[in-house]
Amino acid sequence: MSDLLVARSDGVVTLTINRPDKMNAITGEMWGGLEDVFDEVTRNRDDRVLVVTGAGRGFCAGADLVDAGMARSSGSRLEHMRGVGRSAAALRGIPKPTIAKVNGVAAGAGLNLALGCDLVIASDAARFSEIFVKRGLSVDYGGSWLLPRLVGLHKAKELAFLAEVVSAADAERIGIVNRVVPADQLDATVDELVAQLLKMAPVALSQTKRLLDQAFSATFAEAVEAEAVSQVLNLSTSDVQEAVRAFMEKRDPNFTGE
């Protein structure tokens, strides 16, 4: 699909939303394409890190309202929106680190696409908005679940109710962005983060992601039990022995995920 460009290099998958003339607004067909990419990254053992970005000046302006299915019947609209939800769930279900490289505007579902990633790195030119209510719509693409967990319930309601445009600096301050960097340093910053992640033990990263993602739905007792099970899994890998050898030999470990 020419609207979704996928490039692979040394364990890194870069997904570029490629509709720059439409600020990378997502059509109905593209939701399914996104789901397919996310599922493939989940299945492909060689894929270690996913980077999501947009072509041109924008990250993603959300759904293409011209193609949003307004002419569909109520039943087909519901099925369409369930497809949007499946795409969001597929992103959250990737057991590997995901990074949103936000180069410009991220609005509506485009903002929630970024928030669905594990890390959000933004250019100082980026802007963010939960713009839904200004379009007569309610929050989707997982935003109703993601926002309260990231910023708290009251702040989430402010962002969603008022649909104001938030600067990159304010987005970092309230916690929906990890880092803001000058536009000309965005690529290098993300590349550096990716390089760091590729040095980590893949199984340990995956288990750590799973534990943290479950944190808000688990009791403390459930959390420590899940930690125990994960640690047993980690200890069964050769990466732990490699970490010990590297420590003793005063060198960086070479993790394989085996």
C-alpha atoms as a PDB file:
ATOM      1  CA  MET A   1       0.000   0.000   0.000  1.00  0.00           C
ATOM      2  CA  SER A   2       1.626   3.247  -1.163  1.00  0.00           C
ATOM      3  CA  ASP A   3      -0.029   5.178   1.671  1.00  0.00           C
ATOM      4  CA  LEU A   4       1.857   3.058   4.223  1.00  0.00           C
ATOM      5  CA  LEU A   5       5.569   2.614   3.627  1.00  0.00           C
ATOM      6  CA  VAL A   6       7.383  -0.120   5.542  1.00  0.00           C
ATOM      7  CA  ALA A   7      11.177  -0.315   5.620  1.00  0.00           C
ATOM      8  CA  ARG A   8      13.257  -2.907   7.464  1.00  0.00           C
ATOM      9  CA  SER A   9      16.921  -2.630   8.390  1.00  0.00           C
ATOM     10  CA  ASP A  10      18.878  -4.631  10.993  1.00  0.00           C
ATOM     11  CA  GLY A  11      15.880  -5.382  13.193  1.00  0.00           C
ATOM     12  CA  VAL A  12      14.312  -1.928  12.896  1.00  0.00           C
ATOM     13  CA  VAL A  13      10.947  -1.510  11.184  1.00  0.00           C
ATOM     14  CA  THR A  14      10.069   2.017  10.091  1.00  0.00           C
ATOM     15  CA  LEU A  15       6.417   2.612   9.234  1.00  0.00           C
ATOM     16  CA  THR A  16       5.776   5.902   7.437  1.00  0.00           C
ATOM     17  CA  ILE A  17       2.246   7.156   6.893  1.00  0.00           C
ATOM     18  CA  ASN A  18       2.567   8.520   3.388  1.00  0.00           C
ATOM     19  CA  ARG A  19      -0.184  11.005   2.527  1.00  0.00           C
ATOM     20  CA  PRO A  20       1.707  14.266   3.016  1.00  0.00           C
ATOM     21  CA  ASP A  21      -0.751  16.263   0.893  1.00  0.00           C
ATOM     22  CA  LYS A  22      -3.491  15.261   3.381  1.00  0.00           C
ATOM     23  CA  MET A  23      -1.318  15.676   6.499  1.00  0.00           C
ATOM     24  CA  ASN A  24      -1.227  11.865   6.571  1.00  0.00           C
ATOM     25  CA  ALA A  25      -4.923  11.500   7.339  1.00  0.00           C
ATOM     26  CA  ILE A  26      -5.906   7.830   7.436  1.00  0.00           C
ATOM     27  CA  THR A  27      -8.465   6.335   5.063  1.00  0.00           C
ATOM     28  CA  GLY A  28     -10.717   3.385   5.798  1.00  0.00           C
ATOM     29  CA  GLU A  29      -8.480   1.016   3.881  1.00  0.00           C
ATOM     30  CA  MET A  30      -5.400   2.193   5.763  1.00  0.00           C
ATOM     31  CA  TRP A  31      -6.756   1.096   9.157  1.00  0.00           C
ATOM     32  CA  GLY A  32      -6.623  -2.492   7.971  1.00  0.00           C
ATOM     33  CA  GLY A  33      -3.180  -1.902   6.508  1.00  0.00           C
ATOM     34  CA  LEU A  34      -1.927  -0.578   9.837  1.00  0.00           C
ATOM     35  CA  GLU A  35      -3.336  -3.623  11.612  1.00  0.00           C
ATOM     36  CA  ASP A  36      -1.564  -5.911   9.141  1.00  0.00           C
ATOM     37  CA  VAL A  37       1.776  -4.148   9.695  1.00  0.00           C
ATOM     38  CA  PHE A  38       1.440  -4.305  13.472  1.00  0.00           C
ATOM     39  CA  ASP A  39       0.508  -7.995  13.370  1.00  0.00           C
ATOM     40  CA  GLU A  40       3.471  -8.733  11.117  1.00  0.00           C
ATOM     41  CA  VAL A  41       5.882  -6.961  13.486  1.00  0.00           C
ATOM     42  CA  THR A  42       4.454  -9.030  16.333  1.00  0.00           C
ATOM     43  CA  ARG A  43       5.001 -12.294  14.439  1.00  0.00           C
ATOM     44  CA  ASN A  44       8.347 -11.570  12.787  1.00  0.00           C
ATOM     45  CA  ARG A  45      11.145 -12.706  15.078  1.00  0.00           C
ATOM     46  CA  ASP A  46      13.707 -10.550  13.254  1.00  0.00           C
ATOM     47  CA  ASP A  47      11.774  -7.332  13.967  1.00  0.00           C
ATOM     48  CA  ARG A  48      13.143  -5.818  17.179  1.00  0.00           C
ATOM     49  CA  VAL A  49      11.882  -2.211  17.238  1.00  0.00           C
ATOM     50  CA  LEU A  50       9.058  -0.387  15.440  1.00  0.00           C
ATOM     51  CA  VAL A  51       9.276   3.325  14.588  1.00  0.00           C
ATOM     52  CA  VAL A  52       6.094   5.065  13.402  1.00  0.00           C
ATOM     53  CA  THR A  53       6.299   8.437  11.653  1.00  0.00           C
ATOM     54  CA  GLY A  54       4.673  10.571   8.988  1.00  0.00           C
ATOM     55  CA  ALA A  55       5.794  11.893   5.627  1.00  0.00           C
ATOM     56  CA  GLY A  56       6.218  15.598   5.003  1.00  0.00           C
ATOM     57  CA  ARG A  57       5.248  18.224   7.574  1.00  0.00           C
ATOM     58  CA  GLY A  58       2.796  16.205   9.634  1.00  0.00           C
ATOM     59  CA  PHE A  59       2.736  13.060  11.729  1.00  0.00           C
ATOM     60  CA  CYS A  60      -0.946  12.190  11.284  1.00  0.00           C
ATOM     61  CA  ALA A  61      -4.055  14.381  11.214  1.00  0.00           C
ATOM     62  CA  GLY A  62      -6.287  11.468  12.249  1.00  0.00           C
ATOM     63  CA  ALA A  63      -9.022   9.916  10.158  1.00  0.00           C
ATOM     64  CA  ASP A  64      -9.760  11.230   6.675  1.00  0.00           C
ATOM     65  CA  LEU A  65     -13.308  12.429   7.313  1.00  0.00           C
ATOM     66  CA  VAL A  66     -14.118  12.392   3.609  1.00  0.00           C
ATOM     67  CA  ASP A  67     -13.485   8.649   3.752  1.00  0.00           C
ATOM     68  CA  ALA A  68     -14.849   8.129   7.263  1.00  0.00           C
ATOM     69  CA  GLY A  69     -17.867   6.100   6.238  1.00  0.00           C
ATOM     70  CA  MET A  70     -20.590   8.700   6.759  1.00  0.00           C
ATOM     71  CA  ALA A  71     -22.579   7.242   3.882  1.00  0.00           C
ATOM     72  CA  ARG A  72     -22.526   3.752   5.387  1.00  0.00           C
ATOM     73  CA  SER A  73     -25.439   2.206   7.228  1.00  0.00           C
ATOM     74  CA  SER A  74     -25.299   2.168  11.026  1.00  0.00           C
ATOM     75  CA  GLY A  75     -24.252  -1.486  11.052  1.00  0.00           C
ATOM     76  CA  SER A  76     -21.423  -1.028   8.593  1.00  0.00           C
ATOM     77  CA  ARG A  77     -20.280   2.095  10.443  1.00  0.00           C
ATOM     78  CA  LEU A  78     -20.009   0.021  13.589  1.00  0.00           C
ATOM     79  CA  GLU A  79     -17.997  -2.625  11.805  1.00  0.00           C
ATOM     80  CA  HIS A  80     -15.767   0.090  10.365  1.00  0.00           C
ATOM     81  CA  MET A  81     -15.123   1.518  13.845  1.00  0.00           C
ATOM     82  CA  ARG A  82     -14.440  -1.941  15.220  1.00  0.00           C
ATOM     83  CA  GLY A  83     -11.771  -2.218  12.548  1.00  0.00           C
ATOM     84  CA  VAL A  84     -10.264   1.037  13.797  1.00  0.00           C
ATOM     85  CA  GLY A  85     -10.245  -0.458  17.280  1.00  0.00           C
ATOM     86  CA  ARG A  86      -8.570  -3.636  16.050  1.00  0.00           C
ATOM     87  CA  SER A  87      -5.786  -1.551  14.562  1.00  0.00           C
ATOM     88  CA  ALA A  88      -5.268   0.251  17.882  1.00  0.00           C
ATOM     89  CA  ALA A  89      -5.271  -3.060  19.754  1.00  0.00           C
ATOM     90  CA  ALA A  90      -2.765  -4.552  17.316  1.00  0.00           C
ATOM     91  CA  LEU A  91      -0.373  -1.678  18.024  1.00  0.00           C
ATOM     92  CA  ARG A  92      -0.724  -2.061  21.782  1.00  0.00           C
ATOM     93  CA  GLY A  93      -0.275  -5.819  21.414  1.00  0.00           C
ATOM     94  CA  ILE A  94       3.187  -5.626  19.854  1.00  0.00           C
ATOM     95  CA  PRO A  95       5.519  -7.267  22.422  1.00  0.00           C
ATOM     96  CA  LYS A  96       8.489  -5.175  21.284  1.00  0.00           C
ATOM     97  CA  PRO A  97       9.447  -1.532  21.829  1.00  0.00           C
ATOM     98  CA  THR A  98       7.547   0.944  19.675  1.00  0.00           C
ATOM     99  CA  ILE A  99       8.480   4.582  19.110  1.00  0.00           C
ATOM    100  CA  ALA A 100       6.381   7.395  17.674  1.00  0.00           C
ATOM    101  CA  LYS A 101       8.622   9.885  15.848  1.00  0.00           C
ATOM    102  CA  VAL A 102       6.341  12.921  15.746  1.00  0.00           C
ATOM    103  CA  ASN A 103       7.579  15.373  13.165  1.00  0.00           C
ATOM    104  CA  GLY A 104       4.523  17.637  12.969  1.00  0.00           C
ATOM    105  CA  VAL A 105       0.807  17.737  13.725  1.00  0.00           C
ATOM    106  CA  ALA A 106      -0.656  14.742  15.568  1.00  0.00           C
ATOM    107  CA  ALA A 107      -4.415  15.145  15.907  1.00  0.00           C
ATOM    108  CA  GLY A 108      -7.364  12.952  16.784  1.00  0.00           C
ATOM    109  CA  ALA A 109      -6.651   9.322  16.024  1.00  0.00           C
ATOM    110  CA  GLY A 110      -3.212  10.455  14.863  1.00  0.00           C
ATOM    111  CA  LEU A 111      -2.428  11.650  18.391  1.00  0.00           C
ATOM    112  CA  ASN A 112      -3.739   8.414  19.859  1.00  0.00           C
ATOM    113  CA  LEU A 113      -1.663   6.447  17.352  1.00  0.00           C
ATOM    114  CA  ALA A 114       1.382   8.188  18.818  1.00  0.00           C
ATOM    115  CA  LEU A 115       0.212   7.638  22.396  1.00  0.00           C
ATOM    116  CA  GLY A 116      -0.264   3.945  21.647  1.00  0.00           C
ATOM    117  CA  CYS A 117       3.487   3.631  21.153  1.00  0.00           C
ATOM    118  CA  ASP A 118       5.806   2.973  24.091  1.00  0.00           C
ATOM    119  CA  LEU A 119       7.868   6.126  23.566  1.00  0.00           C
ATOM    120  CA  VAL A 120       6.907   9.420  21.934  1.00  0.00           C
ATOM    121  CA  ILE A 121       9.737  11.608  20.643  1.00  0.00           C
ATOM    122  CA  ALA A 122       8.638  14.920  19.156  1.00  0.00           C
ATOM    123  CA  SER A 123      10.087  17.716  17.130  1.00  0.00           C
ATOM    124  CA  ASP A 124       9.729  21.162  18.672  1.00  0.00           C
ATOM    125  CA  ALA A 125       7.528  21.920  15.670  1.00  0.00           C
ATOM    126  CA  ALA A 126       5.019  19.194  16.623  1.00  0.00           C
ATOM    127  CA  ARG A 127       1.500  20.047  17.750  1.00  0.00           C
ATOM    128  CA  PHE A 128      -1.072  17.824  19.429  1.00  0.00           C
ATOM    129  CA  SER A 129      -4.857  17.841  19.730  1.00  0.00           C
ATOM    130  CA  GLU A 130      -7.652  15.504  20.749  1.00  0.00           C
ATOM    131  CA  ILE A 131      -9.677  17.303  18.120  1.00  0.00           C
ATOM    132  CA  PHE A 132     -12.644  14.892  18.011  1.00  0.00           C
ATOM    133  CA  VAL A 133     -15.400  17.020  19.603  1.00  0.00           C
ATOM    134  CA  LYS A 134     -14.677  19.864  17.171  1.00  0.00           C
ATOM    135  CA  ARG A 135     -15.621  17.394  14.445  1.00  0.00           C
ATOM    136  CA  GLY A 136     -18.748  16.186  16.255  1.00  0.00           C
ATOM    137  CA  LEU A 137     -17.017  12.961  17.297  1.00  0.00           C
ATOM    138  CA  SER A 138     -15.928  11.255  20.499  1.00  0.00           C
ATOM    139  CA  VAL A 139     -12.452   9.959  21.284  1.00  0.00           C
ATOM    140  CA  ASP A 140     -11.329   6.780  19.513  1.00  0.00           C
ATOM    141  CA  TYR A 141      -8.220   4.758  18.593  1.00  0.00           C
ATOM    142  CA  GLY A 142      -7.779   3.892  22.245  1.00  0.00           C
ATOM    143  CA  GLY A 143      -7.637   7.481  23.479  1.00  0.00           C
ATOM    144  CA  SER A 144     -10.279   6.962  26.171  1.00  0.00           C
ATOM    145  CA  TRP A 145      -8.024   4.277  27.713  1.00  0.00           C
ATOM    146  CA  LEU A 146      -4.645   5.868  27.043  1.00  0.00           C
ATOM    147  CA  LEU A 147      -5.184   9.482  28.087  1.00  0.00           C
ATOM    148  CA  PRO A 148      -6.308   8.974  31.710  1.00  0.00           C
ATOM    149  CA  ARG A 149      -3.397   6.606  32.309  1.00  0.00           C
ATOM    150  CA  LEU A 150      -0.892   9.090  30.925  1.00  0.00           C
ATOM    151  CA  VAL A 151      -2.121  12.392  32.357  1.00  0.00           C
ATOM    152  CA  GLY A 152      -4.818  11.587  34.945  1.00  0.00           C
ATOM    153  CA  LEU A 153      -8.575  11.725  34.549  1.00  0.00           C
ATOM    154  CA  HIS A 154      -9.142  15.472  34.981  1.00  0.00           C
ATOM    155  CA  LYS A 155      -6.399  16.443  32.538  1.00  0.00           C
ATOM    156  CA  ALA A 156      -7.638  13.832  30.075  1.00  0.00           C
ATOM    157  CA  LYS A 157     -11.104  15.377  30.212  1.00  0.00           C
ATOM    158  CA  GLU A 158      -9.642  18.836  29.632  1.00  0.00           C
ATOM    159  CA  LEU A 159      -7.749  17.642  26.562  1.00  0.00           C
ATOM    160  CA  ALA A 160     -10.762  15.785  25.175  1.00  0.00           C
ATOM    161  CA  PHE A 161     -13.487  18.303  26.075  1.00  0.00           C
ATOM    162  CA  LEU A 162     -11.717  21.448  24.873  1.00  0.00           C
ATOM    163  CA  ALA A 163      -9.824  19.899  21.941  1.00  0.00           C
ATOM    164  CA  GLU A 164      -7.201  22.621  22.195  1.00  0.00           C
ATOM    165  CA  VAL A 165      -3.924  22.517  20.308  1.00  0.00           C
ATOM    166  CA  VAL A 166      -1.055  21.653  22.644  1.00  0.00           C
ATOM    167  CA  SER A 167       2.513  22.680  21.874  1.00  0.00           C
ATOM    168  CA  ALA A 168       5.336  20.146  21.949  1.00  0.00           C
ATOM    169  CA  ALA A 169       6.733  21.751  25.102  1.00  0.00           C
ATOM    170  CA  ASP A 170       3.373  21.531  26.897  1.00  0.00           C
ATOM    171  CA  ALA A 171       2.875  17.969  25.662  1.00  0.00           C
ATOM    172  CA  GLU A 172       6.177  17.026  27.286  1.00  0.00           C
ATOM    173  CA  ARG A 173       5.223  18.866  30.483  1.00  0.00           C
ATOM    174  CA  ILE A 174       1.915  17.018  30.914  1.00  0.00           C
ATOM    175  CA  GLY A 175       3.404  13.639  30.046  1.00  0.00           C
ATOM    176  CA  ILE A 176       2.140  12.672  26.602  1.00  0.00           C
ATOM    177  CA  VAL A 177       5.598  13.117  25.078  1.00  0.00           C
ATOM    178  CA  ASN A 178       8.832  11.642  26.399  1.00  0.00           C
ATOM    179  CA  ARG A 179      11.232  14.077  24.771  1.00  0.00           C
ATOM    180  CA  VAL A 180      11.109  17.175  22.601  1.00  0.00           C
ATOM    181  CA  VAL A 181      14.105  17.946  20.396  1.00  0.00           C
ATOM    182  CA  PRO A 182      14.881  20.498  17.670  1.00  0.00           C
ATOM    183  CA  ALA A 183      13.416  19.443  14.343  1.00  0.00           C
ATOM    184  CA  ASP A 184      16.822  18.940  12.787  1.00  0.00           C
ATOM    185  CA  GLN A 185      17.784  16.551  15.594  1.00  0.00           C
ATOM    186  CA  LEU A 186      14.644  14.366  15.563  1.00  0.00           C
ATOM    187  CA  ASP A 187      15.988  11.640  13.283  1.00  0.00           C
ATOM    188  CA  ALA A 188      19.306  11.402  15.112  1.00  0.00           C
ATOM    189  CA  THR A 189      17.622  11.296  18.522  1.00  0.00           C
ATOM    190  CA  VAL A 190      15.315   8.465  17.510  1.00  0.00           C
ATOM    191  CA  ASP A 191      18.177   6.598  15.841  1.00  0.00           C
ATOM    192  CA  GLU A 192      20.151   6.836  19.080  1.00  0.00           C
ATOM    193  CA  LEU A 193      17.219   5.497  21.120  1.00  0.00           C
ATOM    194  CA  VAL A 194      16.746   2.648  18.667  1.00  0.00           C
ATOM    195  CA  ALA A 195      20.435   1.783  18.919  1.00  0.00           C
ATOM    196  CA  GLN A 196      20.144   1.650  22.706  1.00  0.00           C
ATOM    197  CA  LEU A 197      17.084  -0.602  22.534  1.00  0.00           C
ATOM    198  CA  LEU A 198      18.801  -2.968  20.098  1.00  0.00           C
ATOM    199  CA  LYS A 199      21.540  -3.504  22.682  1.00  0.00           C
ATOM    200  CA  MET A 200      19.045  -4.760  25.264  1.00  0.00           C
ATOM    201  CA  ALA A 201      17.969  -8.363  25.763  1.00  0.00           C
ATOM    202  CA  PRO A 202      14.873  -8.898  23.565  1.00  0.00           C
ATOM    203  CA  VAL A 203      13.063 -11.284  25.905  1.00  0.00           C
ATOM    204  CA  ALA A 204      13.716  -9.077  28.922  1.00  0.00           C
ATOM    205  CA  LEU A 205      12.432  -6.020  27.037  1.00  0.00           C
ATOM    206  CA  SER A 206       9.300  -7.859  25.981  1.00  0.00           C
ATOM    207  CA  GLN A 207       8.610  -9.107  29.502  1.00  0.00           C
ATOM    208  CA  THR A 208       9.237  -5.668  30.978  1.00  0.00           C
ATOM    209  CA  LYS A 209       6.814  -4.097  28.501  1.00  0.00           C
ATOM    210  CA  ARG A 210       4.144  -6.668  29.351  1.00  0.00           C
ATOM    211  CA  LEU A 211       4.541  -6.136  33.098  1.00  0.00           C
ATOM    212  CA  LEU A 212       4.292  -2.352  32.826  1.00  0.00           C
ATOM    213  CA  ASP A 213       1.316  -2.496  30.470  1.00  0.00           C
ATOM    214  CA  GLN A 214      -0.530  -4.673  32.991  1.00  0.00           C
ATOM    215  CA  ALA A 215       0.290  -2.412  35.929  1.00  0.00           C
ATOM    216  CA  PHE A 216      -3.019  -0.557  36.055  1.00  0.00           C
ATOM    217  CA  SER A 217      -5.168  -3.663  35.882  1.00  0.00           C
ATOM    218  CA  ALA A 218      -3.257  -5.901  38.301  1.00  0.00           C
ATOM    219  CA  THR A 219      -3.245  -6.037  42.066  1.00  0.00           C
ATOM    220  CA  PHE A 220       0.120  -5.851  43.806  1.00  0.00           C
ATOM    221  CA  ALA A 221      -0.025  -9.577  44.512  1.00  0.00           C
ATOM    222  CA  GLU A 222      -0.773 -10.294  40.841  1.00  0.00           C
ATOM    223  CA  ALA A 223       2.044  -7.985  39.767  1.00  0.00           C
ATOM    224  CA  VAL A 224       4.728  -9.659  41.887  1.00  0.00           C
ATOM    225  CA  GLU A 225       3.528 -13.098  40.762  1.00  0.00           C
ATOM    226  CA  ALA A 226       3.762 -11.983  37.133  1.00  0.00           C
ATOM    227  CA  GLU A 227       7.250 -10.638  37.867  1.00  0.00           C
ATOM    228  CA  ALA A 228       8.277 -14.015  39.254  1.00  0.00           C
ATOM    229  CA  VAL A 229       7.003 -15.873  36.204  1.00  0.00           C
ATOM    230  CA  SER A 230       8.705 -13.407  33.856  1.00  0.00           C
ATOM    231  CA  GLN A 231      11.987 -13.673  35.713  1.00  0.00           C
ATOM    232  CA  VAL A 232      11.933 -17.462  35.452  1.00  0.00           C
ATOM    233  CA  LEU A 233      11.448 -17.065  31.700  1.00  0.00           C
ATOM    234  CA  ASN A 234      14.350 -14.607  31.509  1.00  0.00           C
ATOM    235  CA  LEU A 235      16.611 -16.940  33.497  1.00  0.00           C
ATOM    236  CA  SER A 236      15.949 -19.704  30.992  1.00  0.00           C
ATOM    237  CA  THR A 237      17.497 -17.673  28.166  1.00  0.00           C
ATOM    238  CA  SER A 238      21.143 -17.626  27.155  1.00  0.00           C
ATOM    239  CA  ASP A 239      21.075 -13.838  27.365  1.00  0.00           C
ATOM    240  CA  VAL A 240      21.382 -13.962  31.156  1.00  0.00           C
ATOM    241  CA  GLN A 241      24.535 -16.049  30.932  1.00  0.00           C
ATOM    242  CA  GLU A 242      25.844 -13.678  28.267  1.00  0.00           C
ATOM    243  CA  ALA A 243      25.175 -10.715  30.559  1.00  0.00           C
ATOM    244  CA  VAL A 244      27.193 -12.363  33.340  1.00  0.00           C
ATOM    245  CA  ARG A 245      30.074 -13.182  30.990  1.00  0.00           C
ATOM    246  CA  ALA A 246      30.096  -9.650  29.604  1.00  0.00           C
ATOM    247  CA  PHE A 247      30.167  -8.202  33.119  1.00  0.00           C
ATOM    248  CA  MET A 248      33.092 -10.410  34.123  1.00  0.00           C
ATOM    249  CA  GLU A 249      34.950  -9.642  30.889  1.00  0.00           C
ATOM    250  CA  LYS A 250      34.221  -5.902  31.139  1.00  0.00           C
ATOM    251  CA  ARG A 251      32.555  -5.662  27.721  1.00  0.00           C
ATOM    252  CA  ASP A 252      29.127  -4.951  26.300  1.00  0.00           C
ATOM    253  CA  PRO A 253      26.861  -8.011  26.080  1.00  0.00           C
ATOM    254  CA  ASN A 254      25.757  -9.412  22.749  1.00  0.00           C
ATOM    255  CA  PHE A 255      22.146 -10.405  23.275  1.00  0.00           C
ATOM    256  CA  THR A 256      20.395 -12.723  20.810  1.00  0.00           C
ATOM    257  CA  GLY A 257      16.977 -13.331  22.364  1.00  0.00           C
ATOM    258  CA  GLU A 258      17.709 -17.055  22.610  1.00  0.00           C
END
